[in-house]
Amino acid sequence: MKQFILFLVLLSLIGYVAAEAVRGGHGLVANRQIQARVEAMTKELAQLKGEHARLERDAALLKDKSAADPSLLDEQARSLLDLARPTDIVIVNSEK
């Protein structure tokens, strides 16, 4: 009888450890969720790197032009940021 009870206790302990290995905080399910999150963040990083490269290229192009005409840089920045000076005349285009 003692051996049977010991067997059941050890079997339940093995079951508990196996369940934690699958569903626990560091188990297989959590590992899959982390891998999915890493893939999503990797895609987002690639998109952000592409946008960063585009902005760097645009800044380099503006740098050459702004040396000759600083007002061009100011106009481009205000256009991109949708800002206007208080003295500017703004024409609203309803098609945009």
Protein backbone atom coordinates (compact mmCIF):
# COMPACT_ATOMS: atom_id res chain seq x y z
CA MET A 1 0.00 0.00 0.00
CA LYS A 2 2.87 2.44 0.82
CA GLN A 3 4.42 1.80 -2.58
CA PHE A 4 1.13 2.54 -4.33
CA ILE A 5 0.69 5.84 -2.46
CA LEU A 6 4.31 6.79 -3.19
CA PHE A 7 3.72 5.92 -6.85
CA LEU A 8 0.63 8.16 -6.97
CA VAL A 9 2.46 11.04 -5.28
CA LEU A 10 5.38 10.78 -7.71
CA LEU A 11 3.02 10.43 -10.67
CA SER A 12 1.11 13.55 -9.63
CA LEU A 13 4.41 15.41 -9.15
CA ILE A 14 5.51 14.41 -12.66
CA GLY A 15 2.13 15.54 -14.00
CA TYR A 16 2.47 18.90 -12.28
CA VAL A 17 5.98 19.47 -13.65
CA ALA A 18 4.86 18.45 -17.16
CA ALA A 19 1.88 20.83 -17.02
CA GLU A 20 4.11 23.70 -15.89
CA ALA A 21 6.55 22.91 -18.71
CA VAL A 22 3.74 23.43 -21.21
CA ARG A 23 1.59 26.18 -19.66
CA GLY A 24 3.94 27.88 -17.20
CA GLY A 25 5.51 31.30 -17.42
CA HIS A 26 8.54 29.90 -19.22
CA GLY A 27 6.75 26.99 -20.90
CA LEU A 28 6.08 26.09 -24.49
CA VAL A 29 2.98 28.27 -24.83
CA ALA A 30 4.81 31.33 -23.48
CA ASN A 31 7.72 30.59 -25.79
CA ARG A 32 5.41 30.60 -28.83
CA GLN A 33 3.89 33.90 -27.74
CA ILE A 34 7.33 35.43 -27.32
CA GLN A 35 8.41 34.18 -30.76
CA ALA A 36 5.29 35.70 -32.36
CA ARG A 37 5.99 39.01 -30.62
CA VAL A 38 9.62 38.93 -31.77
CA GLU A 39 8.51 38.37 -35.38
CA ALA A 40 6.02 41.25 -35.20
CA MET A 41 8.64 43.57 -33.72
CA THR A 42 11.18 42.51 -36.34
CA LYS A 43 8.72 43.47 -39.10
CA GLU A 44 8.04 46.79 -37.38
CA LEU A 45 11.78 47.41 -37.05
CA ALA A 46 12.27 46.78 -40.77
CA GLN A 47 9.52 49.29 -41.57
CA LEU A 48 11.01 51.86 -39.22
CA LYS A 49 14.47 51.38 -40.73
CA GLY A 50 13.03 51.97 -44.19
CA GLU A 51 11.29 55.14 -43.01
CA HIS A 52 14.48 56.28 -41.27
CA ALA A 53 16.50 55.76 -44.46
CA ARG A 54 13.92 57.74 -46.45
CA LEU A 55 14.00 60.60 -43.95
CA GLU A 56 17.81 60.59 -43.95
CA ARG A 57 17.81 60.77 -47.75
CA ASP A 58 15.27 63.62 -47.71
CA ALA A 59 17.33 65.48 -45.09
CA ALA A 60 20.47 65.09 -47.19
CA LEU A 61 18.65 66.49 -50.22
CA LEU A 62 17.33 69.41 -48.22
CA LYS A 63 20.76 70.07 -46.75
CA ASP A 64 22.22 70.85 -50.16
CA LYS A 65 19.31 73.08 -51.15
CA SER A 66 19.06 74.86 -47.81
CA ALA A 67 22.60 76.18 -48.08
CA ALA A 68 21.55 78.15 -51.16
CA ASP A 69 18.04 79.05 -49.99
CA PRO A 70 17.20 78.75 -46.25
CA SER A 71 13.59 79.76 -46.80
CA LEU A 72 13.10 76.60 -48.88
CA LEU A 73 13.94 74.46 -45.85
CA ASP A 74 11.52 76.46 -43.71
CA GLU A 75 8.75 76.09 -46.30
CA GLN A 76 9.32 72.33 -46.62
CA ALA A 77 9.29 71.83 -42.84
CA ARG A 78 6.09 73.82 -42.36
CA SER A 79 4.44 71.92 -45.22
CA LEU A 80 5.36 68.52 -43.76
CA LEU A 81 4.28 69.47 -40.26
CA ASP A 82 1.09 71.26 -41.40
CA LEU A 83 2.12 74.44 -39.64
CA ALA A 84 1.74 78.05 -40.69
CA ARG A 85 2.95 81.38 -39.45
CA PRO A 86 0.39 83.83 -38.09
CA THR A 87 1.01 86.11 -41.07
CA ASP A 88 0.58 83.36 -43.69
CA ILE A 89 -2.50 83.22 -45.89
CA VAL A 90 -3.92 79.69 -45.80
CA ILE A 91 -6.11 78.34 -48.58
CA VAL A 92 -8.02 75.25 -47.50
CA ASN A 93 -8.32 72.56 -50.15
CA SER A 94 -11.37 70.41 -49.45
CA GLU A 95 -10.12 67.62 -51.73
CA LYS A 96 -7.25 66.71 -49.39
